[in-house]
């Protein structure tokens, strides 16, 4: 009888934890969807388009010697700041 009561309590706890897990999963999915919507709206906005265009231009210039020099100098500054 005591064992049955303990098993019932454990089943209730497991059911409660399972429900909490489902709720958290739904919340996580909603937050991911909202983040995706915000990203899509940002990419379609003027700053997002400008950022995308700038990144594309810089990507095309990645083999340019002046861009390589700038990257190495900035990278070296980051390294020296960490140490």
PDB file of N, CA and C in Angstrom:
ATOM      1  N   UNK A   1       0.832  -1.190   0.000  1.00  0.00           N
ATOM      2  CA  UNK A   1       0.000   0.000   0.000  1.00  0.00           C
ATOM      3  C   UNK A   1       0.874   1.250   0.000  1.00  0.00           C
ATOM      4  N   UNK A   2       1.888   1.277   0.826  1.00  0.00           N
ATOM      5  CA  UNK A   2       2.792   2.422   0.858  1.00  0.00           C
ATOM      6  C   UNK A   2       3.541   2.551  -0.462  1.00  0.00           C
ATOM      7  N   UNK A   3       3.924   1.416  -1.014  1.00  0.00           N
ATOM      8  CA  UNK A   3       4.637   1.422  -2.290  1.00  0.00           C
ATOM      9  C   UNK A   3       3.727   1.963  -3.390  1.00  0.00           C
ATOM     10  N   UNK A   4       2.469   1.554  -3.380  1.00  0.00           N
ATOM     11  CA  UNK A   4       1.511   2.055  -4.372  1.00  0.00           C
ATOM     12  C   UNK A   4       1.356   3.560  -4.259  1.00  0.00           C
ATOM     13  N   UNK A   5       1.295   4.074  -3.046  1.00  0.00           N
ATOM     14  CA  UNK A   5       1.151   5.515  -2.834  1.00  0.00           C
ATOM     15  C   UNK A   5       2.395   6.253  -3.335  1.00  0.00           C
ATOM     16  N   UNK A   6       3.586   5.703  -3.070  1.00  0.00           N
ATOM     17  CA  UNK A   6       4.808   6.323  -3.546  1.00  0.00           C
ATOM     18  C   UNK A   6       4.884   6.297  -5.083  1.00  0.00           C
ATOM     19  N   UNK A   7       4.441   5.202  -5.671  1.00  0.00           N
ATOM     20  CA  UNK A   7       4.429   5.109  -7.129  1.00  0.00           C
ATOM     21  C   UNK A   7       3.471   6.125  -7.755  1.00  0.00           C
ATOM     22  N   UNK A   8       2.334   6.304  -7.120  1.00  0.00           N
ATOM     23  CA  UNK A   8       1.361   7.286  -7.618  1.00  0.00           C
ATOM     24  C   UNK A   8       1.956   8.689  -7.539  1.00  0.00           C
ATOM     25  N   UNK A   9       2.636   8.993  -6.428  1.00  0.00           N
ATOM     26  CA  UNK A   9       3.266  10.303  -6.278  1.00  0.00           C
ATOM     27  C   UNK A   9       4.349  10.507  -7.341  1.00  0.00           C
ATOM     28  N   UNK A  10       5.131   9.468  -7.578  1.00  0.00           N
ATOM     29  CA  UNK A  10       6.195   9.568  -8.589  1.00  0.00           C
ATOM     30  C   UNK A  10       5.601   9.749  -9.987  1.00  0.00           C
ATOM     31  N   UNK A  11       4.529   9.050 -10.275  1.00  0.00           N
ATOM     32  CA  UNK A  11       3.871   9.212 -11.576  1.00  0.00           C
ATOM     33  C   UNK A  11       3.335  10.624 -11.750  1.00  0.00           C
ATOM     34  N   UNK A  12       2.774  11.171 -10.687  1.00  0.00           N
ATOM     35  CA  UNK A  12       2.284  12.550 -10.765  1.00  0.00           C
ATOM     36  C   UNK A  12       3.431  13.525 -10.997  1.00  0.00           C
ATOM     37  N   UNK A  13       4.556  13.306 -10.319  1.00  0.00           N
ATOM     38  CA  UNK A  13       5.723  14.176 -10.518  1.00  0.00           C
ATOM     39  C   UNK A  13       6.241  14.072 -11.949  1.00  0.00           C
ATOM     40  N   UNK A  14       6.302  12.846 -12.467  1.00  0.00           N
ATOM     41  CA  UNK A  14       6.769  12.642 -13.837  1.00  0.00           C
ATOM     42  C   UNK A  14       5.816  13.313 -14.823  1.00  0.00           C
ATOM     43  N   UNK A  15       4.530  13.174 -14.602  1.00  0.00           N
ATOM     44  CA  UNK A  15       3.553  13.807 -15.489  1.00  0.00           C
ATOM     45  C   UNK A  15       3.682  15.321 -15.442  1.00  0.00           C
ATOM     46  N   UNK A  16       3.887  15.858 -14.246  1.00  0.00           N
ATOM     47  CA  UNK A  16       4.058  17.309 -14.092  1.00  0.00           C
ATOM     48  C   UNK A  16       5.321  17.791 -14.805  1.00  0.00           C
ATOM     49  N   UNK A  17       6.414  17.054 -14.639  1.00  0.00           N
ATOM     50  CA  UNK A  17       7.660  17.431 -15.308  1.00  0.00           C
ATOM     51  C   UNK A  17       7.539  17.305 -16.826  1.00  0.00           C
ATOM     52  N   UNK A  18       6.823  16.310 -17.290  1.00  0.00           N
ATOM     53  CA  UNK A  18       6.614  16.156 -18.732  1.00  0.00           C
ATOM     54  C   UNK A  18       5.816  17.326 -19.292  1.00  0.00           C
ATOM     55  N   UNK A  19       4.816  17.751 -18.539  1.00  0.00           N
ATOM     56  CA  UNK A  19       4.008  18.904 -18.970  1.00  0.00           C
ATOM     57  C   UNK A  19       4.862  20.178 -18.992  1.00  0.00           C
ATOM     58  N   UNK A  20       5.711  20.356 -17.982  1.00  0.00           N
ATOM     59  CA  UNK A  20       6.609  21.513 -17.970  1.00  0.00           C
ATOM     60  C   UNK A  20       7.550  21.481 -19.173  1.00  0.00           C
ATOM     61  N   UNK A  21       8.048  20.295 -19.514  1.00  0.00           N
ATOM     62  CA  UNK A  21       8.921  20.153 -20.673  1.00  0.00           C
ATOM     63  C   UNK A  21       8.203  20.517 -21.970  1.00  0.00           C
ATOM     64  N   UNK A  22       6.949  20.086 -22.103  1.00  0.00           N
ATOM     65  CA  UNK A  22       6.172  20.436 -23.292  1.00  0.00           C
ATOM     66  C   UNK A  22       5.947  21.942 -23.378  1.00  0.00           C
ATOM     67  N   UNK A  23       5.650  22.555 -22.236  1.00  0.00           N
ATOM     68  CA  UNK A  23       5.430  24.009 -22.218  1.00  0.00           C
ATOM     69  C   UNK A  23       6.699  24.749 -22.605  1.00  0.00           C
ATOM     70  N   UNK A  24       7.836  24.314 -22.074  1.00  0.00           N
ATOM     71  CA  UNK A  24       9.102  24.957 -22.401  1.00  0.00           C
ATOM     72  C   UNK A  24       9.445  24.764 -23.873  1.00  0.00           C
ATOM     73  N   UNK A  25       9.146  23.595 -24.416  1.00  0.00           N
ATOM     74  CA  UNK A  25       9.402  23.338 -25.834  1.00  0.00           C
ATOM     75  C   UNK A  25       8.550  24.240 -26.712  1.00  0.00           C
ATOM     76  N   UNK A  26       7.280  24.425 -26.345  1.00  0.00           N
ATOM     77  CA  UNK A  26       6.407  25.325 -27.102  1.00  0.00           C
ATOM     78  C   UNK A  26       6.934  26.760 -27.034  1.00  0.00           C
ATOM     79  N   UNK A  27       7.373  27.174 -25.856  1.00  0.00           N
ATOM     80  CA  UNK A  27       7.905  28.523 -25.693  1.00  0.00           C
ATOM     81  C   UNK A  27       9.170  28.707 -26.533  1.00  0.00           C
ATOM     82  N   UNK A  28      10.025  27.722 -26.531  1.00  0.00           N
ATOM     83  CA  UNK A  28      11.252  27.784 -27.320  1.00  0.00           C
ATOM     84  C   UNK A  28      10.944  27.858 -28.810  1.00  0.00           C
ATOM     85  N   UNK A  29       9.981  27.085 -29.265  1.00  0.00           N
ATOM     86  CA  UNK A  29       9.599  27.128 -30.675  1.00  0.00           C
ATOM     87  C   UNK A  29       9.024  28.495 -31.039  1.00  0.00           C
ATOM     88  N   UNK A  30       8.224  29.068 -30.144  1.00  0.00           N
ATOM     89  CA  UNK A  30       7.659  30.391 -30.409  1.00  0.00           C
ATOM     90  C   UNK A  30       8.754  31.453 -30.462  1.00  0.00           C
ATOM     91  N   UNK A  31       9.722  31.364 -29.553  1.00  0.00           N
ATOM     92  CA  UNK A  31      10.820  32.333 -29.558  1.00  0.00           C
ATOM     93  C   UNK A  31      11.673  32.184 -30.816  1.00  0.00           C
ATOM     94  N   UNK A  32      11.918  30.952 -31.250  1.00  0.00           N
ATOM     95  CA  UNK A  32      12.676  30.735 -32.480  1.00  0.00           C
ATOM     96  C   UNK A  32      11.941  31.291 -33.692  1.00  0.00           C
ATOM     97  N   UNK A  33      10.635  31.086 -33.737  1.00  0.00           N
ATOM     98  CA  UNK A  33       9.845  31.622 -34.840  1.00  0.00           C
ATOM     99  C   UNK A  33       9.901  33.144 -34.839  1.00  0.00           C
ATOM    100  N   UNK A  34       9.764  33.745 -33.660  1.00  0.00           N
ATOM    101  CA  UNK A  34       9.805  35.204 -33.550  1.00  0.00           C
ATOM    102  C   UNK A  34      11.173  35.745 -33.963  1.00  0.00           C
ATOM    103  N   UNK A  35      12.227  35.061 -33.567  1.00  0.00           N
ATOM    104  CA  UNK A  35      13.570  35.472 -33.964  1.00  0.00           C
ATOM    105  C   UNK A  35      13.734  35.398 -35.483  1.00  0.00           C
ATOM    106  N   UNK A  36      13.217  34.354 -36.084  1.00  0.00           N
ATOM    107  CA  UNK A  36      13.268  34.233 -37.541  1.00  0.00           C
ATOM    108  C   UNK A  36      12.518  35.358 -38.231  1.00  0.00           C
ATOM    109  N   UNK A  37      11.341  35.704 -37.697  1.00  0.00           N
ATOM    110  CA  UNK A  37      10.560  36.798 -38.281  1.00  0.00           C
ATOM    111  C   UNK A  37      11.300  38.128 -38.156  1.00  0.00           C
ATOM    112  N   UNK A  38      11.933  38.348 -37.003  1.00  0.00           N
ATOM    113  CA  UNK A  38      12.689  39.593 -36.817  1.00  0.00           C
ATOM    114  C   UNK A  38      13.878  39.648 -37.766  1.00  0.00           C
ATOM    115  N   UNK A  39      14.545  38.509 -37.956  1.00  0.00           N
ATOM    116  CA  UNK A  39      15.693  38.473 -38.874  1.00  0.00           C
ATOM    117  C   UNK A  39      15.238  38.753 -40.301  1.00  0.00           C
ATOM    118  N   UNK A  40      14.117  38.170 -40.711  1.00  0.00           N
ATOM    119  CA  UNK A  40      13.606  38.417 -42.060  1.00  0.00           C
ATOM    120  C   UNK A  40      13.231  39.878 -42.250  1.00  0.00           C
ATOM    121  N   UNK A  41      12.621  40.482 -41.251  1.00  0.00           N
ATOM    122  CA  UNK A  41      12.251  41.892 -41.381  1.00  0.00           C
ATOM    123  C   UNK A  41      13.485  42.787 -41.384  1.00  0.00           C
ATOM    124  N   UNK A  42      14.541  42.401 -40.629  1.00  0.00           N
ATOM    125  CA  UNK A  42      15.765  43.201 -40.638  1.00  0.00           C
ATOM    126  C   UNK A  42      16.468  43.109 -41.987  1.00  0.00           C
ATOM    127  N   UNK A  43      16.536  41.901 -42.546  1.00  0.00           N
ATOM    128  CA  UNK A  43      17.200  41.731 -43.838  1.00  0.00           C
ATOM    129  C   UNK A  43      16.481  42.539 -44.916  1.00  0.00           C
ATOM    130  N   UNK A  44      15.185  42.667 -44.817  1.00  0.00           N
ATOM    131  CA  UNK A  44      14.423  43.434 -45.799  1.00  0.00           C
ATOM    132  C   UNK A  44      14.457  44.929 -45.569  1.00  0.00           C
ATOM    133  N   UNK A  45      14.972  45.373 -44.440  1.00  0.00           N
ATOM    134  CA  UNK A  45      15.004  46.803 -44.154  1.00  0.00           C
ATOM    135  C   UNK A  45      16.237  47.441 -44.779  1.00  0.00           C
ATOM    136  N   UNK A  46      16.277  48.762 -44.775  1.00  0.00           N
ATOM    137  CA  UNK A  46      17.409  49.488 -45.368  1.00  0.00           C
ATOM    138  C   UNK A  46      18.733  49.171 -44.675  1.00  0.00           C
ATOM    139  N   UNK A  47      18.811  49.191 -43.345  1.00  0.00           N
ATOM    140  CA  UNK A  47      20.097  48.846 -42.719  1.00  0.00           C
ATOM    141  C   UNK A  47      20.527  47.408 -43.002  1.00  0.00           C
ATOM    142  N   UNK A  48      19.567  46.492 -43.056  1.00  0.00           N
ATOM    143  CA  UNK A  48      19.901  45.107 -43.344  1.00  0.00           C
ATOM    144  C   UNK A  48      20.423  44.926 -44.756  1.00  0.00           C
ATOM    145  N   UNK A  49      19.791  45.602 -45.703  1.00  0.00           N
ATOM    146  CA  UNK A  49      20.266  45.524 -47.082  1.00  0.00           C
ATOM    147  C   UNK A  49      21.643  46.153 -47.229  1.00  0.00           C
ATOM    148  N   UNK A  50      21.856  47.270 -46.532  1.00  0.00           N
ATOM    149  CA  UNK A  50      23.155  47.927 -46.601  1.00  0.00           C
ATOM    150  C   UNK A  50      24.239  47.041 -45.984  1.00  0.00           C
ATOM    151  N   UNK A  51      23.932  46.403 -44.871  1.00  0.00           N
ATOM    152  CA  UNK A  51      24.884  45.499 -44.233  1.00  0.00           C
ATOM    153  C   UNK A  51      25.193  44.310 -45.135  1.00  0.00           C
ATOM    154  N   UNK A  52      24.181  43.757 -45.762  1.00  0.00           N
ATOM    155  CA  UNK A  52      24.378  42.631 -46.666  1.00  0.00           C
ATOM    156  C   UNK A  52      25.220  43.035 -47.874  1.00  0.00           C
ATOM    157  N   UNK A  53      24.945  44.209 -48.435  1.00  0.00           N
ATOM    158  CA  UNK A  53      25.707  44.694 -49.585  1.00  0.00           C
ATOM    159  C   UNK A  53      27.163  44.931 -49.204  1.00  0.00           C
ATOM    160  N   UNK A  54      27.391  45.538 -48.028  1.00  0.00           N
ATOM    161  CA  UNK A  54      28.756  45.801 -47.565  1.00  0.00           C
ATOM    162  C   UNK A  54      29.514  44.496 -47.336  1.00  0.00           C
ATOM    163  N   UNK A  55      28.861  43.534 -46.733  1.00  0.00           N
ATOM    164  CA  UNK A  55      29.508  42.242 -46.501  1.00  0.00           C
ATOM    165  C   UNK A  55      29.848  41.562 -47.826  1.00  0.00           C
ATOM    166  N   UNK A  56      28.968  41.671 -48.807  1.00  0.00           N
ATOM    167  CA  UNK A  56      29.243  41.098 -50.117  1.00  0.00           C
ATOM    168  C   UNK A  56      30.429  41.759 -50.800  1.00  0.00           C
ATOM    169  N   UNK A  57      30.500  43.082 -50.694  1.00  0.00           N
ATOM    170  CA  UNK A  57      31.633  43.800 -51.287  1.00  0.00           C
ATOM    171  C   UNK A  57      32.939  43.422 -50.598  1.00  0.00           C
ATOM    172  N   UNK A  58      32.909  43.360 -49.277  1.00  0.00           N
ATOM    173  CA  UNK A  58      34.121  42.992 -48.547  1.00  0.00           C
ATOM    174  C   UNK A  58      34.530  41.550 -48.845  1.00  0.00           C
ATOM    175  N   UNK A  59      33.562  40.679 -49.050  1.00  0.00           N
ATOM    176  CA  UNK A  59      33.879  39.297 -49.365  1.00  0.00           C
ATOM    177  C   UNK A  59      34.584  39.201 -50.714  1.00  0.00           C
ATOM    178  N   UNK A  60      34.176  40.031 -51.668  1.00  0.00           N
ATOM    179  CA  UNK A  60      34.832  40.021 -52.971  1.00  0.00           C
ATOM    180  C   UNK A  60      36.256  40.556 -52.888  1.00  0.00           C
ATOM    181  N   UNK A  61      36.520  41.437 -51.924  1.00  0.00           N
ATOM    182  CA  UNK A  61      37.849  42.037 -51.780  1.00  0.00           C
ATOM    183  C   UNK A  61      38.744  41.265 -50.811  1.00  0.00           C
ATOM    184  N   UNK A  62      38.353  40.050 -50.434  1.00  0.00           N
ATOM    185  CA  UNK A  62      39.093  39.344 -49.402  1.00  0.00           C
ATOM    186  C   UNK A  62      40.511  38.992 -49.809  1.00  0.00           C
ATOM    187  N   UNK A  63      40.813  38.952 -51.107  1.00  0.00           N
ATOM    188  CA  UNK A  63      42.164  38.625 -51.555  1.00  0.00           C
ATOM    189  C   UNK A  63      43.005  39.871 -51.825  1.00  0.00           C
ATOM    190  N   UNK A  64      42.424  41.037 -51.645  1.00  0.00           N
ATOM    191  CA  UNK A  64      43.150  42.278 -51.866  1.00  0.00           C
ATOM    192  C   UNK A  64      44.213  42.438 -50.776  1.00  0.00           C
ATOM    193  N   UNK A  65      45.398  42.900 -51.140  1.00  0.00           N
ATOM    194  CA  UNK A  65      46.497  42.989 -50.172  1.00  0.00           C
ATOM    195  C   UNK A  65      46.221  44.009 -49.081  1.00  0.00           C
ATOM    196  N   UNK A  66      45.568  45.126 -49.414  1.00  0.00           N
ATOM    197  CA  UNK A  66      45.283  46.124 -48.368  1.00  0.00           C
ATOM    198  C   UNK A  66      44.248  45.598 -47.371  1.00  0.00           C
ATOM    199  N   UNK A  67      43.283  44.827 -47.858  1.00  0.00           N
ATOM    200  CA  UNK A  67      42.283  44.237 -46.957  1.00  0.00           C
ATOM    201  C   UNK A  67      42.950  43.205 -46.054  1.00  0.00           C
ATOM    202  N   UNK A  68      43.865  42.408 -46.607  1.00  0.00           N
ATOM    203  CA  UNK A  68      44.593  41.435 -45.799  1.00  0.00           C
ATOM    204  C   UNK A  68      45.423  42.127 -44.728  1.00  0.00           C
ATOM    205  N   UNK A  69      46.070  43.242 -45.097  1.00  0.00           N
ATOM    206  CA  UNK A  69      46.862  43.989 -44.122  1.00  0.00           C
ATOM    207  C   UNK A  69      45.975  44.534 -43.011  1.00  0.00           C
ATOM    208  N   UNK A  70      44.842  45.104 -43.376  1.00  0.00           N
ATOM    209  CA  UNK A  70      43.911  45.637 -42.373  1.00  0.00           C
ATOM    210  C   UNK A  70      43.419  44.537 -41.446  1.00  0.00           C
ATOM    211  N   UNK A  71      43.078  43.368 -42.002  1.00  0.00           N
ATOM    212  CA  UNK A  71      42.626  42.257 -41.164  1.00  0.00           C
ATOM    213  C   UNK A  71      43.707  41.798 -40.202  1.00  0.00           C
ATOM    214  N   UNK A  72      44.944  41.757 -40.681  1.00  0.00           N
ATOM    215  CA  UNK A  72      46.027  41.299 -39.806  1.00  0.00           C
ATOM    216  C   UNK A  72      46.290  42.307 -38.697  1.00  0.00           C
ATOM    217  N   UNK A  73      46.217  43.601 -39.009  1.00  0.00           N
ATOM    218  CA  UNK A  73      46.446  44.626 -37.980  1.00  0.00           C
ATOM    219  C   UNK A  73      45.332  44.587 -36.937  1.00  0.00           C
ATOM    220  N   UNK A  74      44.090  44.519 -37.390  1.00  0.00           N
ATOM    221  CA  UNK A  74      42.968  44.469 -36.452  1.00  0.00           C
ATOM    222  C   UNK A  74      43.028  43.186 -35.637  1.00  0.00           C
ATOM    223  N   UNK A  75      43.357  42.079 -36.280  1.00  0.00           N
ATOM    224  CA  UNK A  75      43.483  40.812 -35.553  1.00  0.00           C
ATOM    225  C   UNK A  75      44.591  40.858 -34.531  1.00  0.00           C
ATOM    226  N   UNK A  76      45.698  41.488 -34.893  1.00  0.00           N
ATOM    227  CA  UNK A  76      46.811  41.607 -33.948  1.00  0.00           C
ATOM    228  C   UNK A  76      46.424  42.470 -32.754  1.00  0.00           C
ATOM    229  N   UNK A  77      45.651  43.516 -32.984  1.00  0.00           N
ATOM    230  CA  UNK A  77      45.194  44.363 -31.863  1.00  0.00           C
ATOM    231  C   UNK A  77      44.285  43.580 -30.925  1.00  0.00           C
ATOM    232  N   UNK A  78      43.405  42.761 -31.483  1.00  0.00           N
ATOM    233  CA  UNK A  78      42.535  41.943 -30.639  1.00  0.00           C
ATOM    234  C   UNK A  78      43.344  40.983 -29.796  1.00  0.00           C
ATOM    235  N   UNK A  79      44.361  40.391 -30.401  1.00  0.00           N
ATOM    236  CA  UNK A  79      45.192  39.438 -29.657  1.00  0.00           C
ATOM    237  C   UNK A  79      45.938  40.142 -28.539  1.00  0.00           C
ATOM    238  N   UNK A  80      46.491  41.331 -28.823  1.00  0.00           N
ATOM    239  CA  UNK A  80      47.249  42.040 -27.791  1.00  0.00           C
ATOM    240  C   UNK A  80      46.348  42.538 -26.675  1.00  0.00           C
ATOM    241  N   UNK A  81      45.091  42.834 -26.973  1.00  0.00           N
ATOM    242  CA  UNK A  81      44.176  43.269 -25.917  1.00  0.00           C
ATOM    243  C   UNK A  81      43.823  42.117 -24.982  1.00  0.00           C
ATOM    244  N   UNK A  82      43.781  40.897 -25.492  1.00  0.00           N
ATOM    245  CA  UNK A  82      43.438  39.740 -24.662  1.00  0.00           C
ATOM    246  C   UNK A  82      44.570  39.358 -23.747  1.00  0.00           C
ATOM    247  N   UNK A  83      45.818  39.674 -24.142  1.00  0.00           N
ATOM    248  CA  UNK A  83      46.963  39.257 -23.327  1.00  0.00           C
ATOM    249  C   UNK A  83      47.653  40.419 -22.737  1.00  0.00           C
TER     250      UNK A  83
END
